PDB file of N, CA and C in Angstrom:
ATOM      1  N   MET A   1     -15.273  -6.019  -9.590  1.00  0.00           N
ATOM      2  CA  MET A   1     -14.532  -6.202  -8.680  1.00  0.00           C
ATOM      3  C   MET A   1     -14.789  -7.405  -7.644  1.00  0.00           C
ATOM      4  N   VAL A   2     -15.432  -7.971  -7.708  1.00  0.00           N
ATOM      5  CA  VAL A   2     -16.154  -9.400  -6.644  1.00  0.00           C
ATOM      6  C   VAL A   2     -15.153 -10.437  -7.457  1.00  0.00           C
ATOM      7  N   SER A   3     -14.988  -9.882  -8.957  1.00  0.00           N
ATOM      8  CA  SER A   3     -13.782 -11.142  -8.822  1.00  0.00           C
ATOM      9  C   SER A   3     -12.874 -10.784  -9.044  1.00  0.00           C
ATOM     10  N   THR A   4     -12.091  -9.492  -8.914  1.00  0.00           N
ATOM     11  CA  THR A   4     -11.261  -9.447  -8.570  1.00  0.00           C
ATOM     12  C   THR A   4     -11.028 -10.059  -6.781  1.00  0.00           C
ATOM     13  N   ILE A   5     -11.479  -9.624  -6.140  1.00  0.00           N
ATOM     14  CA  ILE A   5     -11.802  -9.722  -4.602  1.00  0.00           C
ATOM     15  C   ILE A   5     -11.198 -11.533  -4.587  1.00  0.00           C
ATOM     16  N   ALA A   6     -12.584 -11.880  -5.314  1.00  0.00           N
ATOM     17  CA  ALA A   6     -12.263 -13.572  -5.451  1.00  0.00           C
ATOM     18  C   ALA A   6     -10.650 -13.906  -5.742  1.00  0.00           C
ATOM     19  N   THR A   7     -10.440 -13.107  -7.030  1.00  0.00           N
ATOM     20  CA  THR A   7      -9.091 -14.122  -7.897  1.00  0.00           C
ATOM     21  C   THR A   7      -7.890 -13.779  -6.963  1.00  0.00           C
ATOM     22  N   CYS A   8      -7.339 -12.700  -6.623  1.00  0.00           N
ATOM     23  CA  CYS A   8      -6.908 -12.042  -5.287  1.00  0.00           C
ATOM     24  C   CYS A   8      -7.083 -12.317  -3.697  1.00  0.00           C
ATOM     25  N   GLY A   9      -8.229 -13.016  -3.355  1.00  0.00           N
ATOM     26  CA  GLY A   9      -8.362 -13.201  -1.782  1.00  0.00           C
ATOM     27  C   GLY A   9      -7.906 -11.968  -1.614  1.00  0.00           C
ATOM     28  N   THR A  10      -7.527 -12.060   0.101  1.00  0.00           N
ATOM     29  CA  THR A  10      -6.895 -11.914   0.796  1.00  0.00           C
ATOM     30  C   THR A  10      -5.865 -11.802  -0.225  1.00  0.00           C
ATOM     31  N   ASP A  11      -4.994 -12.537  -0.195  1.00  0.00           N
ATOM     32  CA  ASP A  11      -3.799 -12.709  -0.611  1.00  0.00           C
ATOM     33  C   ASP A  11      -3.173 -11.076  -0.669  1.00  0.00           C
ATOM     34  N   MET A  12      -4.320 -10.212  -1.767  1.00  0.00           N
ATOM     35  CA  MET A  12      -3.383  -8.707  -2.423  1.00  0.00           C
ATOM     36  C   MET A  12      -3.359  -7.679  -0.722  1.00  0.00           C
ATOM     37  N   PHE A  13      -4.733  -7.814  -0.175  1.00  0.00           N
ATOM     38  CA  PHE A  13      -5.318  -6.689   0.856  1.00  0.00           C
ATOM     39  C   PHE A  13      -4.246  -7.820   1.638  1.00  0.00           C
ATOM     40  N   ASP A  14      -3.550  -8.530   2.398  1.00  0.00           N
ATOM     41  CA  ASP A  14      -2.379  -9.004   3.366  1.00  0.00           C
ATOM     42  C   ASP A  14      -1.300  -8.201   2.806  1.00  0.00           C
ATOM     43  N   THR A  15      -1.101  -8.006   1.863  1.00  0.00           N
ATOM     44  CA  THR A  15       0.049  -7.456   0.999  1.00  0.00           C
ATOM     45  C   THR A  15       0.429  -5.951   0.989  1.00  0.00           C
ATOM     46  N   ILE A  16      -0.610  -5.426   0.393  1.00  0.00           N
ATOM     47  CA  ILE A  16      -0.943  -4.511   0.846  1.00  0.00           C
ATOM     48  C   ILE A  16      -0.839  -3.578   2.380  1.00  0.00           C
ATOM     49  N   VAL A  17      -2.088  -3.877   3.015  1.00  0.00           N
ATOM     50  CA  VAL A  17      -1.020  -3.711   4.591  1.00  0.00           C
ATOM     51  C   VAL A  17       0.584  -3.842   5.523  1.00  0.00           C
ATOM     52  N   LYS A  18       0.760  -5.144   4.690  1.00  0.00           N
ATOM     53  CA  LYS A  18       2.629  -5.097   4.905  1.00  0.00           C
ATOM     54  C   LYS A  18       2.770  -4.219   4.426  1.00  0.00           C
ATOM     55  N   ASP A  19       3.020  -4.138   3.406  1.00  0.00           N
ATOM     56  CA  ASP A  19       3.396  -2.380   2.782  1.00  0.00           C
ATOM     57  C   ASP A  19       3.439  -1.332   3.420  1.00  0.00           C
ATOM     58  N   LEU A  20       2.095  -1.192   3.653  1.00  0.00           N
ATOM     59  CA  LEU A  20       1.705   0.011   4.644  1.00  0.00           C
ATOM     60  C   LEU A  20       2.764  -0.577   5.700  1.00  0.00           C
ATOM     61  N   VAL A  21       2.541  -0.724   7.092  1.00  0.00           N
ATOM     62  CA  VAL A  21       3.597  -1.110   7.462  1.00  0.00           C
ATOM     63  C   VAL A  21       5.002  -0.616   7.493  1.00  0.00           C
ATOM     64  N   GLN A  22       5.431  -1.687   6.556  1.00  0.00           N
ATOM     65  CA  GLN A  22       6.784  -1.511   6.118  1.00  0.00           C
ATOM     66  C   GLN A  22       6.938   0.108   5.993  1.00  0.00           C
ATOM     67  N   VAL A  23       6.162   1.324   5.010  1.00  0.00           N
ATOM     68  CA  VAL A  23       6.702   2.511   4.915  1.00  0.00           C
ATOM     69  C   VAL A  23       6.019   2.974   6.205  1.00  0.00           C
ATOM     70  N   SER A  24       4.820   2.667   7.365  1.00  0.00           N
ATOM     71  CA  SER A  24       5.162   3.651   8.346  1.00  0.00           C
ATOM     72  C   SER A  24       5.888   4.427   8.861  1.00  0.00           C
ATOM     73  N   VAL A  25       7.161   3.302   9.170  1.00  0.00           N
ATOM     74  CA  VAL A  25       8.254   3.996   9.704  1.00  0.00           C
ATOM     75  C   VAL A  25       8.468   5.561   9.292  1.00  0.00           C
ATOM     76  N   ALA A  26       8.693   5.172   7.916  1.00  0.00           N
ATOM     77  CA  ALA A  26       8.709   7.083   6.965  1.00  0.00           C
ATOM     78  C   ALA A  26       8.082   8.432   6.938  1.00  0.00           C
ATOM     79  N   PHE A  27       7.155   7.562   7.861  1.00  0.00           N
ATOM     80  CA  PHE A  27       5.845   8.447   8.912  1.00  0.00           C
ATOM     81  C   PHE A  27       6.220   9.025  10.168  1.00  0.00           C
ATOM     82  N   LYS A  28       7.070   8.436  10.896  1.00  0.00           N
ATOM     83  CA  LYS A  28       7.792   8.793  12.043  1.00  0.00           C
ATOM     84  C   LYS A  28       7.811  10.233  12.167  1.00  0.00           C
ATOM     85  N   ASP A  29       7.058  10.003  13.525  1.00  0.00           N
ATOM     86  CA  ASP A  29       7.272  11.686  13.832  1.00  0.00           C
ATOM     87  C   ASP A  29       8.802  11.819  14.519  1.00  0.00           C
ATOM     88  N   MET A  30       9.901  12.717  14.230  1.00  0.00           N
ATOM     89  CA  MET A  30      11.385  11.513  14.857  1.00  0.00           C
ATOM     90  C   MET A  30      11.927  12.785  16.057  1.00  0.00           C
ATOM     91  N   GLU A  31      11.304  13.720  16.076  1.00  0.00           N
ATOM     92  CA  GLU A  31      10.855  15.139  17.309  1.00  0.00           C
ATOM     93  C   GLU A  31       9.829  15.136  18.281  1.00  0.00           C
ATOM     94  N   PHE A  32       9.127  13.106  18.568  1.00  0.00           N
ATOM     95  CA  PHE A  32       8.754  13.457  19.364  1.00  0.00           C
ATOM     96  C   PHE A  32       9.649  12.387  20.733  1.00  0.00           C
ATOM     97  N   ASP A  33       9.529  12.502  21.602  1.00  0.00           N
ATOM     98  CA  ASP A  33      10.344  11.739  22.794  1.00  0.00           C
ATOM     99  C   ASP A  33       9.393  11.178  23.426  1.00  0.00           C
ATOM    100  N   SER A  34      10.334   9.984  23.519  1.00  0.00           N
ATOM    101  CA  SER A  34       9.343   8.438  23.706  1.00  0.00           C
ATOM    102  C   SER A  34       8.148   8.769  24.888  1.00  0.00           C
ATOM    103  N   ILE A  35       7.368   8.670  25.595  1.00  0.00           N
ATOM    104  CA  ILE A  35       6.668   8.170  26.714  1.00  0.00           C
ATOM    105  C   ILE A  35       7.067   6.594  27.693  1.00  0.00           C
ATOM    106  N   THR A  36       6.547   6.750  29.035  1.00  0.00           N
ATOM    107  CA  THR A  36       7.121   5.553  29.094  1.00  0.00           C
ATOM    108  C   THR A  36       5.433   4.958  29.268  1.00  0.00           C
ATOM    109  N   GLU A  37       5.728   2.825  29.873  1.00  0.00           N
ATOM    110  CA  GLU A  37       5.355   2.484  30.070  1.00  0.00           C
ATOM    111  C   GLU A  37       4.461   2.790  30.420  1.00  0.00           C
ATOM    112  N   GLU A  38       4.282   3.523  31.609  1.00  0.00           N
ATOM    113  CA  GLU A  38       3.372   3.415  32.406  1.00  0.00           C
ATOM    114  C   GLU A  38       1.786   4.593  31.451  1.00  0.00           C
ATOM    115  N   GLU A  39       2.591   5.837  31.484  1.00  0.00           N
ATOM    116  CA  GLU A  39       2.071   6.498  30.564  1.00  0.00           C
ATOM    117  C   GLU A  39       1.582   6.714  29.803  1.00  0.00           C
ATOM    118  N   PHE A  40       1.885   4.879  28.705  1.00  0.00           N
ATOM    119  CA  PHE A  40       0.994   4.720  27.968  1.00  0.00           C
ATOM    120  C   PHE A  40      -0.382   3.820  28.240  1.00  0.00           C
ATOM    121  N   GLU A  41       0.336   2.696  29.466  1.00  0.00           N
ATOM    122  CA  GLU A  41      -0.474   1.955  30.114  1.00  0.00           C
ATOM    123  C   GLU A  41      -2.214   3.503  30.384  1.00  0.00           C
ATOM    124  N   ASN A  42      -2.599   3.908  30.942  1.00  0.00           N
ATOM    125  CA  ASN A  42      -3.014   5.287  31.642  1.00  0.00           C
ATOM    126  C   ASN A  42      -3.700   5.755  30.251  1.00  0.00           C
ATOM    127  N   PHE A  43      -2.750   6.136  29.188  1.00  0.00           N
ATOM    128  CA  PHE A  43      -3.250   6.912  27.914  1.00  0.00           C
ATOM    129  C   PHE A  43      -4.799   5.964  27.492  1.00  0.00           C
ATOM    130  N   LEU A  44      -4.218   4.119  27.246  1.00  0.00           N
ATOM    131  CA  LEU A  44      -4.705   3.649  26.940  1.00  0.00           C
ATOM    132  C   LEU A  44      -5.806   3.642  27.862  1.00  0.00           C
ATOM    133  N   LYS A  45      -6.146   3.991  29.539  1.00  0.00           N
ATOM    134  CA  LYS A  45      -7.370   3.951  30.411  1.00  0.00           C
ATOM    135  C   LYS A  45      -8.362   4.863  29.827  1.00  0.00           C
ATOM    136  N   ASP A  46      -7.818   5.903  29.501  1.00  0.00           N
ATOM    137  CA  ASP A  46      -8.402   7.287  29.596  1.00  0.00           C
ATOM    138  C   ASP A  46      -9.219   7.224  28.059  1.00  0.00           C
ATOM    139  N   ALA A  47      -8.443   6.762  27.417  1.00  0.00           N
ATOM    140  CA  ALA A  47      -8.735   6.665  25.845  1.00  0.00           C
ATOM    141  C   ALA A  47     -10.538   6.485  25.364  1.00  0.00           C
ATOM    142  N   VAL A  48     -10.550   5.112  26.379  1.00  0.00           N
ATOM    143  CA  VAL A  48     -11.865   4.551  26.189  1.00  0.00           C
ATOM    144  C   VAL A  48     -12.879   6.148  25.696  1.00  0.00           C
ATOM    145  N   PHE A  49     -13.189   7.074  26.931  1.00  0.00           N
ATOM    146  CA  PHE A  49     -13.515   7.355  26.754  1.00  0.00           C
ATOM    147  C   PHE A  49     -13.576   8.454  25.244  1.00  0.00           C
ATOM    148  N   GLU A  50     -12.647   8.756  24.830  1.00  0.00           N
ATOM    149  CA  GLU A  50     -12.375   9.906  23.527  1.00  0.00           C
ATOM    150  C   GLU A  50     -13.060   8.372  22.349  1.00  0.00           C
ATOM    151  N   LYS A  51     -12.881   6.642  22.751  1.00  0.00           N
ATOM    152  CA  LYS A  51     -12.944   6.630  21.943  1.00  0.00           C
ATOM    153  C   LYS A  51     -14.860   5.994  21.527  1.00  0.00           C
ATOM    154  N   LEU A  52     -15.538   6.103  22.737  1.00  0.00           N
ATOM    155  CA  LEU A  52     -16.934   6.333  22.983  1.00  0.00           C
ATOM    156  C   LEU A  52     -17.838   7.040  22.369  1.00  0.00           C
ATOM    157  N   LYS A  53     -16.651   8.583  22.461  1.00  0.00           N
ATOM    158  CA  LYS A  53     -17.189  10.001  21.897  1.00  0.00           C
ATOM    159  C   LYS A  53     -16.344   9.571  19.675  1.00  0.00           C
ATOM    160  N   GLY A  54     -16.227   8.587  19.458  1.00  0.00           N
ATOM    161  CA  GLY A  54     -16.500   8.919  17.828  1.00  0.00           C
ATOM    162  C   GLY A  54     -14.796   8.464  17.523  1.00  0.00           C
ATOM    163  N   LYS A  55     -13.849   8.690  18.358  1.00  0.00           N
ATOM    164  CA  LYS A  55     -12.162   9.227  18.046  1.00  0.00           C
ATOM    165  C   LYS A  55     -11.735   7.910  17.805  1.00  0.00           C
ATOM    166  N   LYS A  56     -10.989   8.163  16.755  1.00  0.00           N
ATOM    167  CA  LYS A  56      -9.896   6.547  16.846  1.00  0.00           C
ATOM    168  C   LYS A  56      -8.921   6.823  17.509  1.00  0.00           C
ATOM    169  N   LEU A  57      -8.323   5.594  18.239  1.00  0.00           N
ATOM    170  CA  LEU A  57      -6.929   5.546  19.108  1.00  0.00           C
ATOM    171  C   LEU A  57      -5.901   6.507  18.608  1.00  0.00           C
ATOM    172  N   GLY A  58      -5.420   6.748  16.655  1.00  0.00           N
ATOM    173  CA  GLY A  58      -4.612   7.002  16.060  1.00  0.00           C
ATOM    174  C   GLY A  58      -4.641   8.590  16.737  1.00  0.00           C
ATOM    175  N   GLU A  59      -6.053   8.746  16.953  1.00  0.00           N
ATOM    176  CA  GLU A  59      -5.784  10.249  16.704  1.00  0.00           C
ATOM    177  C   GLU A  59      -5.841  10.748  18.274  1.00  0.00           C
ATOM    178  N   VAL A  60      -6.508  10.244  19.224  1.00  0.00           N
ATOM    179  CA  VAL A  60      -6.191  10.427  20.897  1.00  0.00           C
ATOM    180  C   VAL A  60      -4.808  10.832  21.228  1.00  0.00           C
ATOM    181  N   PHE A  61      -3.901   9.561  20.416  1.00  0.00           N
ATOM    182  CA  PHE A  61      -3.236   9.894  20.453  1.00  0.00           C
ATOM    183  C   PHE A  61      -1.799  10.469  19.871  1.00  0.00           C
ATOM    184  N   ALA A  62      -2.389  10.844  18.752  1.00  0.00           N
ATOM    185  CA  ALA A  62      -1.398  11.964  17.754  1.00  0.00           C
ATOM    186  C   ALA A  62      -1.594  13.265  18.967  1.00  0.00           C
ATOM    187  N   GLU A  63      -3.448  13.097  19.488  1.00  0.00           N
ATOM    188  CA  GLU A  63      -3.574  14.859  19.944  1.00  0.00           C
ATOM    189  C   GLU A  63      -2.967  14.878  21.461  1.00  0.00           C
ATOM    190  N   LYS A  64      -3.310  14.324  21.823  1.00  0.00           N
ATOM    191  CA  LYS A  64      -2.560  13.818  23.743  1.00  0.00           C
ATOM    192  C   LYS A  64      -1.680  13.994  23.574  1.00  0.00           C
ATOM    193  N   PHE A  65      -0.315  13.295  22.440  1.00  0.00           N
ATOM    194  CA  PHE A  65       0.640  14.251  22.653  1.00  0.00           C
ATOM    195  C   PHE A  65       1.662  14.709  22.441  1.00  0.00           C
ATOM    196  N   GLY A  66       0.514  15.043  21.193  1.00  0.00           N
ATOM    197  CA  GLY A  66       1.593  16.634  20.254  1.00  0.00           C
ATOM    198  C   GLY A  66       1.975  15.583  18.563  1.00  0.00           C
ATOM    199  N   VAL A  67       2.003  14.262  18.636  1.00  0.00           N
ATOM    200  CA  VAL A  67       2.735  13.270  17.759  1.00  0.00           C
ATOM    201  C   VAL A  67       1.974  13.643  16.155  1.00  0.00           C
ATOM    202  N   GLN A  68       3.139  14.070  15.337  1.00  0.00           N
ATOM    203  CA  GLN A  68       3.235  13.924  13.552  1.00  0.00           C
ATOM    204  C   GLN A  68       3.299  12.745  12.917  1.00  0.00           C
ATOM    205  N   ASP A  69       2.183  12.067  12.820  1.00  0.00           N
ATOM    206  CA  ASP A  69       2.565  10.380  12.256  1.00  0.00           C
ATOM    207  C   ASP A  69       0.840  10.818  11.085  1.00  0.00           C
ATOM    208  N   ARG A  70       0.801  10.962  10.166  1.00  0.00           N
ATOM    209  CA  ARG A  70      -0.023  10.479   9.926  1.00  0.00           C
ATOM    210  C   ARG A  70      -0.626   9.024   9.162  1.00  0.00           C
ATOM    211  N   VAL A  71      -0.344   7.547   9.761  1.00  0.00           N
ATOM    212  CA  VAL A  71      -0.213   6.319   9.807  1.00  0.00           C
ATOM    213  C   VAL A  71      -1.541   6.674  11.167  1.00  0.00           C
ATOM    214  N   LEU A  72      -0.778   7.300  12.280  1.00  0.00           N
ATOM    215  CA  LEU A  72      -1.314   7.804  13.884  1.00  0.00           C
ATOM    216  C   LEU A  72      -3.518   7.411  12.936  1.00  0.00           C
ATOM    217  N   SER A  73      -3.352   7.969  11.805  1.00  0.00           N
ATOM    218  CA  SER A  73      -4.770   8.715  11.472  1.00  0.00           C
ATOM    219  C   SER A  73      -5.427   7.750  10.308  1.00  0.00           C
ATOM    220  N   ILE A  74      -4.390   6.528   9.966  1.00  0.00           N
ATOM    221  CA  ILE A  74      -5.515   5.858   8.767  1.00  0.00           C
ATOM    222  C   ILE A  74      -5.925   4.470   9.179  1.00  0.00           C
ATOM    223  N   PHE A  75      -5.036   3.710  10.212  1.00  0.00           N
ATOM    224  CA  PHE A  75      -5.597   2.613  10.198  1.00  0.00           C
ATOM    225  C   PHE A  75      -6.637   2.556  11.979  1.00  0.00           C
ATOM    226  N   SER A  76      -7.944   2.062  11.356  1.00  0.00           N
ATOM    227  CA  SER A  76      -9.089   2.068  12.737  1.00  0.00           C
ATOM    228  C   SER A  76      -8.834   0.962  13.664  1.00  0.00           C
ATOM    229  N   ASP A  77      -8.604  -0.260  13.219  1.00  0.00           N
ATOM    230  CA  ASP A  77      -8.066  -1.266  14.379  1.00  0.00           C
ATOM    231  C   ASP A  77      -7.294  -0.922  15.801  1.00  0.00           C
ATOM    232  N   ASP A  78      -7.301  -0.984  16.913  1.00  0.00           N
ATOM    233  CA  ASP A  78      -7.040  -0.494  17.309  1.00  0.00           C
ATOM    234  C   ASP A  78      -5.572  -1.231  18.298  1.00  0.00           C
ATOM    235  N   LYS A  79      -5.894  -2.357  17.714  1.00  0.00           N
ATOM    236  CA  LYS A  79      -4.323  -3.820  17.077  1.00  0.00           C
ATOM    237  C   LYS A  79      -3.828  -2.671  16.209  1.00  0.00           C
ATOM    238  N   ASP A  80      -3.733  -2.686  15.529  1.00  0.00           N
ATOM    239  CA  ASP A  80      -2.934  -1.765  14.633  1.00  0.00           C
ATOM    240  C   ASP A  80      -2.229  -0.859  14.922  1.00  0.00           C
ATOM    241  N   ILE A  81      -3.386   0.301  15.832  1.00  0.00           N
ATOM    242  CA  ILE A  81      -2.127   1.926  15.838  1.00  0.00           C
ATOM    243  C   ILE A  81      -1.718   1.522  17.428  1.00  0.00           C
ATOM    244  N   ILE A  82      -1.806   0.366  18.068  1.00  0.00           N
ATOM    245  CA  ILE A  82      -0.913  -0.520  19.083  1.00  0.00           C
ATOM    246  C   ILE A  82       0.511  -0.645  18.829  1.00  0.00           C
ATOM    247  N   GLN A  83       0.803  -1.429  18.281  1.00  0.00           N
ATOM    248  CA  GLN A  83       1.659  -1.785  17.308  1.00  0.00           C
ATOM    249  C   GLN A  83       2.009  -1.259  16.364  1.00  0.00           C
ATOM    250  N   HIS A  84       1.420  -0.119  15.267  1.00  0.00           N
ATOM    251  CA  HIS A  84       2.456   1.196  15.447  1.00  0.00           C
ATOM    252  C   HIS A  84       2.866   1.881  16.629  1.00  0.00           C
ATOM    253  N   ILE A  85       2.495   2.074  17.243  1.00  0.00           N
ATOM    254  CA  ILE A  85       2.934   2.627  18.483  1.00  0.00           C
ATOM    255  C   ILE A  85       4.868   2.402  18.866  1.00  0.00           C
ATOM    256  N   ARG A  86       3.749   1.393  19.141  1.00  0.00           N
ATOM    257  CA  ARG A  86       5.815   0.890  19.598  1.00  0.00           C
ATOM    258  C   ARG A  86       6.475   0.622  18.645  1.00  0.00           C
ATOM    259  N   TYR A  87       6.407  -0.227  17.406  1.00  0.00           N
ATOM    260  CA  TYR A  87       7.529   0.057  16.375  1.00  0.00           C
ATOM    261  C   TYR A  87       7.770   1.225  16.185  1.00  0.00           C
ATOM    262  N   CYS A  88       7.320   2.350  15.680  1.00  0.00           N
ATOM    263  CA  CYS A  88       7.702   3.468  15.540  1.00  0.00           C
ATOM    264  C   CYS A  88       8.770   4.259  17.391  1.00  0.00           C
ATOM    265  N   ARG A  89       8.235   3.411  18.658  1.00  0.00           N
ATOM    266  CA  ARG A  89       9.063   3.548  19.455  1.00  0.00           C
ATOM    267  C   ARG A  89       8.884   4.716  20.332  1.00  0.00           C
ATOM    268  N   TYR A  90       7.141   5.033  20.136  1.00  0.00           N
ATOM    269  CA  TYR A  90       6.714   5.809  20.860  1.00  0.00           C
ATOM    270  C   TYR A  90       6.915   5.675  22.344  1.00  0.00           C
ATOM    271  N   VAL A  91       6.873   4.751  22.222  1.00  0.00           N
ATOM    272  CA  VAL A  91       6.618   4.055  24.123  1.00  0.00           C
ATOM    273  C   VAL A  91       8.325   3.237  24.458  1.00  0.00           C
ATOM    274  N   LYS A  92       9.515   4.054  25.621  1.00  0.00           N
ATOM    275  CA  LYS A  92      10.070   3.375  25.950  1.00  0.00           C
ATOM    276  C   LYS A  92      10.053   2.053  26.440  1.00  0.00           C
TER     277      LYS A  92
END
């Protein structure tokens, strides 16, 4: 496995992540009405406490707003989750 990583480098990982982001719109909850920027900023502040309990930001977002989007539970990096939330236009 080490030789595969060394041979492919991070290019393979980057390709997989890019592909996942491109298809993430397929998982978008089309029924969800967007929230305002103010609501989103307040959510991010409140989510800190839930994250301290061990929850992922995407899971907290899905629970709070009732969003049905599997990608939100896949990403573990908050930056990626926020990017996905904005990409899917869950925030106006």
